[in-house]
Amino acid sequence: MEIDILIALEDLGYQGPLMEDGALDAVVIKGAASPEFTKLSAWIVSELRLYLKLEENVHATNCPSEAEGFQLEMSGLLSELACPYSCLTSGHVTQRFLSRTDCLLLITFLLSELDASRMILVNKPQRKAQESGSPVFQELKGICMALGMSKPPPNITMFQFFSGIEKKLKEAISRVPPNHVGEPLMKKPFGPVHMEKVEAINQALVNEYEVRRKMLLKRLDVTVQSFGWSERAKTQAEKLSRVYQPLRSALLTNSNISVAHLLAARQDISKILRTSSGKMREKTACAINKVDELQTSWGWGGRGGQSFSQGGQFEQFFQHGGQQYNQAGFNQGRHYTS
């Protein structure tokens, strides 16, 4: 077993003192009381943490009196790795990793986990930041693609990179009319203190928006659910869900507005337009809004088919101070207060 362990250590890149003849056997006899054995174990665990998201960690000891700390850390790691060997995970913690057999089994298990992790990485390589990219990387990549810039060389400095972006931006702006882009909304430069305060304000607004958004979406869900209460609608529940759920899943509660949107905003965004103005209603009007309100029943009672005409009863109702009697003799203008 010792020879197999030495071969595996060499293949995995270990270059410590335990590669010498007889060194490994000398430390596994002492087990957790040997600082060299704990150093070997800590090295394997540190390599393993490069491939696995482990919460537990193992540190090397400096003297035999620190063996109990090593035993506690290693026991927690084996529990997280779901070690199948009961001799390494059962019994009192201070009695573990002391015999030669258990120590060789422990090293073998850790080496097999490390070897398997590396093999998985080779067979299914992870997508690194340069492929998927962080949000900052994606933003910069989008800027370069929009401006038609080629891929920057790997040795370029940040100053050279942003200078190239500035040059491309000026070239693009020069090809459009003078007022095509518009004046920026924020003209004063921001310092670190200003940025910190603006980010705090934006976060407060985002939190409030999220609460409001959740409330509106909950009201929407309840309203849609109420549509299925009737017997006829119950037969169409599956069809309703098939149509509604894709649309509902696209409605998110969080906001993607950041300080970058404020810095990129132009002055035309500060113009306040009434939602009932002609321009807005051209895009928001629908068939429901075109129903003549005078042909609908008024909210204070009456049959569904009854309504006030454009003149006549409607005008007489207000001329007589609200005292309007119908043919049956009921007072339609009486108001009750509580």
Protein backbone atom coordinates (compact mmCIF):
# COMPACT_ATOMS: atom_id res chain seq x y z
CA MET A 1 0.00 0.00 0.00
CA GLU A 2 2.89 2.37 0.77
CA ILE A 3 4.26 1.96 -2.76
CA ASP A 4 0.86 2.75 -4.29
CA ILE A 5 0.59 5.86 -2.13
CA LEU A 6 4.06 7.08 -3.16
CA ILE A 7 3.24 6.55 -6.83
CA ALA A 8 -0.04 8.45 -6.46
CA LEU A 9 1.69 11.29 -4.61
CA GLU A 10 4.27 11.60 -7.37
CA ASP A 11 1.58 11.61 -10.06
CA LEU A 12 -0.34 14.32 -8.21
CA GLY A 13 2.70 16.57 -7.94
CA TYR A 14 3.77 16.09 -4.31
CA GLN A 15 7.45 16.93 -3.79
CA GLY A 16 7.74 16.82 0.00
CA PRO A 17 10.24 14.97 2.22
CA LEU A 18 8.02 11.89 2.53
CA MET A 19 9.00 10.79 -0.97
CA GLU A 20 12.28 9.48 0.42
CA ASP A 21 12.67 5.79 1.21
CA GLY A 22 11.12 4.80 4.54
CA ALA A 23 9.93 8.34 5.38
CA LEU A 24 6.25 7.63 4.81
CA ASP A 25 6.26 4.48 6.92
CA ALA A 26 7.94 6.33 9.78
CA VAL A 27 5.25 9.04 10.00
CA VAL A 28 2.18 6.80 9.58
CA ILE A 29 3.28 4.80 12.62
CA LYS A 30 2.91 7.93 14.79
CA GLY A 31 -0.23 9.02 12.96
CA ALA A 32 -1.89 12.24 14.10
CA ALA A 33 0.91 12.82 16.62
CA SER A 34 3.38 13.29 13.74
CA PRO A 35 3.59 16.86 12.36
CA GLU A 36 4.92 15.50 9.05
CA PHE A 37 1.88 13.26 8.68
CA THR A 38 -0.45 16.21 9.31
CA LYS A 39 1.49 18.29 6.77
CA LEU A 40 0.98 15.60 4.13
CA SER A 41 -2.73 15.40 4.95
CA ALA A 42 -3.08 19.19 4.89
CA TRP A 43 -1.39 19.35 1.47
CA ILE A 44 -3.79 16.80 -0.01
CA VAL A 45 -6.78 18.65 1.46
CA SER A 46 -5.52 22.01 0.12
CA GLU A 47 -5.28 20.48 -3.36
CA LEU A 48 -8.72 18.95 -2.95
CA ARG A 49 -10.24 22.33 -2.05
CA LEU A 50 -9.17 23.65 -5.46
CA TYR A 51 -11.72 21.37 -7.10
CA LEU A 52 -14.41 20.91 -4.45
CA LYS A 53 -16.35 23.54 -2.52
CA LEU A 54 -15.55 22.25 0.95
CA GLU A 55 -16.58 24.00 4.14
CA GLU A 56 -14.16 22.06 6.32
CA ASN A 57 -10.39 22.51 6.20
CA VAL A 58 -7.40 20.76 7.75
CA HIS A 59 -4.27 22.49 9.06
CA ALA A 60 -0.88 20.99 9.77
CA THR A 61 0.39 20.76 13.35
CA ASN A 62 3.72 21.89 14.76
CA CYS A 63 4.00 19.49 17.68
CA PRO A 64 2.37 16.26 18.94
CA SER A 65 0.32 18.17 21.52
CA GLU A 66 -1.75 19.70 18.69
CA ALA A 67 -2.90 16.29 17.46
CA GLU A 68 -6.40 16.66 18.90
CA GLY A 69 -7.09 19.74 16.77
CA PHE A 70 -6.00 17.84 13.68
CA GLN A 71 -8.26 14.92 14.61
CA LEU A 72 -11.27 17.22 14.99
CA GLU A 73 -10.67 18.96 11.66
CA MET A 74 -10.06 15.72 9.77
CA SER A 75 -13.17 14.10 11.28
CA GLY A 76 -15.28 17.04 10.10
CA LEU A 77 -13.79 16.81 6.60
CA LEU A 78 -14.42 13.06 6.33
CA SER A 79 -18.00 13.62 7.40
CA GLU A 80 -18.43 16.26 4.67
CA LEU A 81 -16.87 13.92 2.08
CA ALA A 82 -19.16 11.06 3.24
CA CYS A 83 -16.21 8.76 3.90
CA PRO A 84 -17.40 5.12 3.65
CA TYR A 85 -14.76 3.70 6.05
CA SER A 86 -16.29 3.37 9.50
CA CYS A 87 -12.91 2.88 11.16
CA LEU A 88 -12.05 6.49 10.21
CA THR A 89 -15.38 8.04 11.20
CA SER A 90 -16.50 6.07 14.30
CA GLY A 91 -15.24 5.98 17.87
CA HIS A 92 -13.96 8.82 19.99
CA VAL A 93 -12.38 11.62 18.00
CA THR A 94 -9.16 11.62 20.02
CA GLN A 95 -8.63 7.92 19.23
CA ARG A 96 -8.76 8.32 15.46
CA PHE A 97 -5.85 8.36 12.96
CA LEU A 98 -3.38 6.87 15.44
CA SER A 99 -2.73 3.39 14.03
CA ARG A 100 -0.59 2.70 10.99
CA THR A 101 -3.42 0.92 9.13
CA ASP A 102 -5.89 3.76 9.68
CA CYS A 103 -3.40 6.40 8.59
CA LEU A 104 -2.57 4.56 5.36
CA LEU A 105 -6.29 4.13 4.69
CA LEU A 106 -6.86 7.84 5.35
CA ILE A 107 -4.15 8.91 2.89
CA THR A 108 -5.44 6.44 0.31
CA PHE A 109 -8.99 7.80 0.61
CA LEU A 110 -7.89 11.43 0.32
CA LEU A 111 -5.68 10.67 -2.67
CA SER A 112 -8.50 8.83 -4.43
CA GLU A 113 -10.82 11.82 -3.87
CA LEU A 114 -8.21 14.20 -5.26
CA ASP A 115 -7.49 11.98 -8.25
CA ALA A 116 -11.20 11.62 -9.02
CA SER A 117 -11.74 15.38 -8.77
CA ARG A 118 -8.97 16.06 -11.26
CA MET A 119 -10.28 13.42 -13.65
CA ILE A 120 -13.78 14.96 -13.52
CA LEU A 121 -12.31 18.38 -14.27
CA VAL A 122 -10.46 17.00 -17.31
CA ASN A 123 -13.50 15.15 -18.67
CA LYS A 124 -15.95 18.01 -17.92
CA PRO A 125 -13.95 21.24 -17.81
CA GLN A 126 -15.54 24.13 -15.98
CA ARG A 127 -16.44 27.28 -17.84
CA LYS A 128 -13.93 29.84 -16.72
CA ALA A 129 -14.49 33.55 -16.40
CA GLN A 130 -13.06 34.21 -19.84
CA GLU A 131 -15.79 32.01 -21.37
CA SER A 132 -18.93 32.86 -19.43
CA GLY A 133 -17.47 35.94 -17.80
CA SER A 134 -18.28 38.07 -14.82
CA PRO A 135 -20.85 40.87 -15.18
CA VAL A 136 -18.05 43.43 -15.62
CA PHE A 137 -16.42 41.28 -18.30
CA GLN A 138 -19.73 40.89 -20.12
CA GLU A 139 -20.34 44.64 -20.07
CA LEU A 140 -16.89 45.40 -21.48
CA LYS A 141 -17.29 42.68 -24.08
CA GLY A 142 -20.64 44.16 -25.14
CA ILE A 143 -19.07 47.62 -25.48
CA CYS A 144 -16.29 46.27 -27.69
CA MET A 145 -18.72 44.36 -29.89
CA ALA A 146 -21.04 47.37 -30.24
CA LEU A 147 -18.15 49.61 -31.26
CA GLY A 148 -16.72 47.03 -33.65
CA MET A 149 -13.46 46.68 -31.76
CA SER A 150 -11.24 43.66 -32.19
CA LYS A 151 -10.24 41.45 -29.28
CA PRO A 152 -7.62 43.30 -27.20
CA PRO A 153 -4.20 41.67 -26.78
CA PRO A 154 -3.50 39.96 -23.41
CA ASN A 155 -0.69 42.38 -22.48
CA ILE A 156 -2.76 45.57 -22.88
CA THR A 157 -3.05 47.89 -19.87
CA MET A 158 -6.35 49.20 -18.54
CA PHE A 159 -5.42 52.75 -19.55
CA GLN A 160 -4.75 51.65 -23.13
CA PHE A 161 -7.96 49.61 -23.21
CA PHE A 162 -10.24 52.45 -22.07
CA SER A 163 -8.38 54.95 -24.24
CA GLY A 164 -9.23 52.75 -27.23
CA ILE A 165 -12.89 52.68 -26.17
CA GLU A 166 -12.93 56.48 -25.82
CA LYS A 167 -11.43 56.89 -29.28
CA LYS A 168 -14.02 54.56 -30.84
CA LEU A 169 -16.83 56.39 -29.04
CA LYS A 170 -15.72 59.75 -30.38
CA GLU A 171 -15.56 58.31 -33.89
CA ALA A 172 -19.07 56.88 -33.57
CA ILE A 173 -20.51 60.15 -32.20
CA SER A 174 -18.93 62.15 -35.00
CA ARG A 175 -20.94 60.19 -37.56
CA VAL A 176 -24.36 61.13 -36.13
CA PRO A 177 -26.21 64.49 -35.94
CA PRO A 178 -25.11 66.88 -33.17
CA ASN A 179 -28.14 66.32 -30.88
CA HIS A 180 -28.57 62.63 -31.63
CA VAL A 181 -27.22 61.40 -28.28
CA GLY A 182 -28.38 64.34 -26.20
CA GLU A 183 -26.93 66.01 -23.14
CA PRO A 184 -26.19 63.85 -20.07
CA LEU A 185 -28.57 64.12 -17.15
CA MET A 186 -25.72 64.18 -14.62
CA LYS A 187 -23.09 66.70 -15.69
CA LYS A 188 -21.07 66.99 -12.48
CA PRO A 189 -18.30 64.46 -11.91
CA PHE A 190 -18.80 61.89 -9.15
CA GLY A 191 -16.17 61.18 -6.52
CA PRO A 192 -15.93 58.07 -4.29
CA VAL A 193 -18.10 59.69 -1.60
CA HIS A 194 -20.79 60.64 -4.11
CA MET A 195 -20.77 57.18 -5.67
CA GLU A 196 -21.20 55.57 -2.26
CA LYS A 197 -24.20 57.77 -1.42
CA VAL A 198 -25.80 57.28 -4.83
CA GLU A 199 -25.40 53.51 -4.54
CA ALA A 200 -27.04 53.61 -1.10
CA ILE A 201 -29.97 55.62 -2.50
CA ASN A 202 -30.30 53.25 -5.44
CA GLN A 203 -30.30 50.23 -3.14
CA ALA A 204 -33.06 51.77 -1.01
CA LEU A 205 -35.15 52.39 -4.14
CA VAL A 206 -34.48 48.88 -5.40
CA ASN A 207 -35.63 47.40 -2.09
CA GLU A 208 -38.84 49.45 -2.16
CA TYR A 209 -39.46 48.50 -5.78
CA GLU A 210 -39.04 44.83 -4.93
CA VAL A 211 -41.66 45.05 -2.17
CA ARG A 212 -44.12 46.82 -4.47
CA ARG A 213 -43.41 44.39 -7.27
CA LYS A 214 -44.04 41.39 -5.03
CA MET A 215 -47.34 42.88 -3.87
CA LEU A 216 -48.52 43.51 -7.44
CA LEU A 217 -47.50 40.03 -8.57
CA LYS A 218 -49.32 38.49 -5.64
CA ARG A 219 -52.46 40.44 -6.55
CA LEU A 220 -52.04 39.26 -10.13
CA ASP A 221 -51.76 35.61 -9.04
CA VAL A 222 -54.83 35.88 -6.81
CA THR A 223 -56.82 37.53 -9.60
CA VAL A 224 -55.89 34.85 -12.11
CA GLN A 225 -56.73 32.14 -9.57
CA SER A 226 -60.18 33.66 -9.09
CA PHE A 227 -60.85 33.15 -12.79
CA GLY A 228 -60.84 29.41 -12.19
CA TRP A 229 -63.54 29.34 -9.52
CA SER A 230 -66.46 28.82 -11.87
CA GLU A 231 -67.45 25.33 -13.00
CA ARG A 232 -66.83 26.20 -16.63
CA ALA A 233 -63.38 27.58 -15.88
CA LYS A 234 -62.37 24.47 -13.92
CA THR A 235 -62.50 22.47 -17.13
CA GLN A 236 -60.11 24.95 -18.73
CA ALA A 237 -57.66 25.09 -15.79
CA GLU A 238 -54.90 23.27 -17.64
CA LYS A 239 -55.22 25.50 -20.69
CA LEU A 240 -55.18 28.62 -18.51
CA SER A 241 -52.08 27.44 -16.70
CA ARG A 242 -50.33 26.64 -19.97
CA VAL A 243 -50.91 30.17 -21.22
CA TYR A 244 -50.37 32.05 -17.96
CA GLN A 245 -47.32 30.36 -16.43
CA PRO A 246 -44.81 31.26 -19.20
CA LEU A 247 -45.90 34.88 -19.00
CA ARG A 248 -45.83 34.86 -15.21
CA SER A 249 -42.34 33.36 -14.99
CA ALA A 250 -40.98 36.26 -17.05
CA LEU A 251 -42.16 38.78 -14.44
CA LEU A 252 -39.29 39.14 -11.97
CA THR A 253 -39.39 40.86 -8.59
CA ASN A 254 -35.86 42.24 -8.62
CA SER A 255 -34.70 45.33 -10.44
CA ASN A 256 -31.63 45.55 -12.67
CA ILE A 257 -31.32 49.34 -12.43
CA SER A 258 -27.87 50.39 -11.22
CA VAL A 259 -25.81 53.55 -10.89
CA ALA A 260 -24.54 52.90 -14.41
CA HIS A 261 -28.03 53.65 -15.74
CA LEU A 262 -27.96 57.01 -13.97
CA LEU A 263 -24.58 57.90 -15.45
CA ALA A 264 -25.77 56.89 -18.92
CA ALA A 265 -29.13 58.71 -18.68
CA ARG A 266 -29.74 61.68 -20.96
CA GLN A 267 -31.80 64.79 -20.26
CA ASP A 268 -34.85 63.54 -22.17
CA ILE A 269 -35.46 60.94 -19.46
CA SER A 270 -36.27 63.71 -16.97
CA LYS A 271 -39.34 64.82 -18.94
CA ILE A 272 -42.52 63.89 -17.08
CA LEU A 273 -45.40 62.76 -19.27
CA ARG A 274 -48.91 62.25 -17.95
CA THR A 275 -50.14 58.71 -18.40
CA SER A 276 -53.42 60.06 -19.78
CA SER A 277 -51.78 62.29 -22.38
CA GLY A 278 -52.42 61.75 -26.06
CA LYS A 279 -48.98 60.35 -26.83
CA MET A 280 -49.14 57.84 -24.00
CA ARG A 281 -52.70 56.77 -24.76
CA GLU A 282 -51.77 56.00 -28.37
CA LYS A 283 -49.76 53.03 -27.07
CA THR A 284 -51.82 52.06 -24.02
CA ALA A 285 -55.40 52.36 -25.34
CA CYS A 286 -57.24 49.10 -25.90
CA ALA A 287 -60.71 47.89 -26.87
CA ILE A 288 -61.89 47.93 -23.24
CA ASN A 289 -61.22 51.66 -22.92
CA LYS A 290 -63.33 52.44 -25.99
CA VAL A 291 -66.60 51.33 -24.42
CA ASP A 292 -68.95 54.31 -24.01
CA GLU A 293 -69.18 54.94 -20.29
CA LEU A 294 -72.65 56.46 -20.68
CA GLN A 295 -73.98 53.10 -21.84
CA THR A 296 -72.89 51.32 -18.65
CA SER A 297 -74.76 50.97 -15.38
CA TRP A 298 -73.91 53.48 -12.65
CA GLY A 299 -72.37 52.31 -9.44
CA TRP A 300 -75.16 53.33 -7.01
CA GLY A 301 -77.62 50.65 -8.04
CA GLY A 302 -80.29 49.88 -10.59
CA ARG A 303 -80.66 47.07 -13.06
CA GLY A 304 -77.75 46.14 -15.19
CA GLY A 305 -79.45 47.32 -18.35
CA GLN A 306 -80.49 50.68 -16.94
CA SER A 307 -78.33 53.79 -17.38
CA PHE A 308 -78.66 57.53 -17.52
CA SER A 309 -78.79 58.95 -20.98
CA GLN A 310 -76.61 61.84 -22.08
CA GLY A 311 -79.32 64.33 -21.12
CA GLY A 312 -82.69 64.15 -19.45
CA GLN A 313 -82.60 62.26 -16.18
CA PHE A 314 -78.88 62.74 -15.64
CA GLU A 315 -79.10 66.55 -15.78
CA GLN A 316 -82.38 66.69 -13.85
CA PHE A 317 -80.83 64.59 -11.13
CA PHE A 318 -78.28 67.30 -10.28
CA GLN A 319 -80.70 70.21 -10.92
CA HIS A 320 -83.00 68.96 -8.16
CA GLY A 321 -80.20 68.53 -5.66
CA GLY A 322 -80.07 64.82 -6.08
CA GLN A 323 -83.80 64.23 -5.31
CA GLN A 324 -84.80 62.00 -8.21
CA TYR A 325 -87.80 59.65 -8.03
CA ASN A 326 -88.44 56.84 -10.41
CA GLN A 327 -91.79 55.45 -11.51
CA ALA A 328 -92.01 53.17 -8.50
CA GLY A 329 -91.61 56.11 -6.14
CA PHE A 330 -88.17 55.23 -4.79
CA ASN A 331 -85.77 58.05 -4.05
CA GLN A 332 -82.65 57.46 -6.15
CA GLY A 333 -80.89 60.54 -4.83
CA ARG A 334 -80.93 59.62 -1.15
CA HIS A 335 -77.46 59.28 0.34
CA TYR A 336 -76.64 57.44 3.52
CA THR A 337 -73.76 58.37 5.77
CA SER A 338 -72.28 56.39 8.57
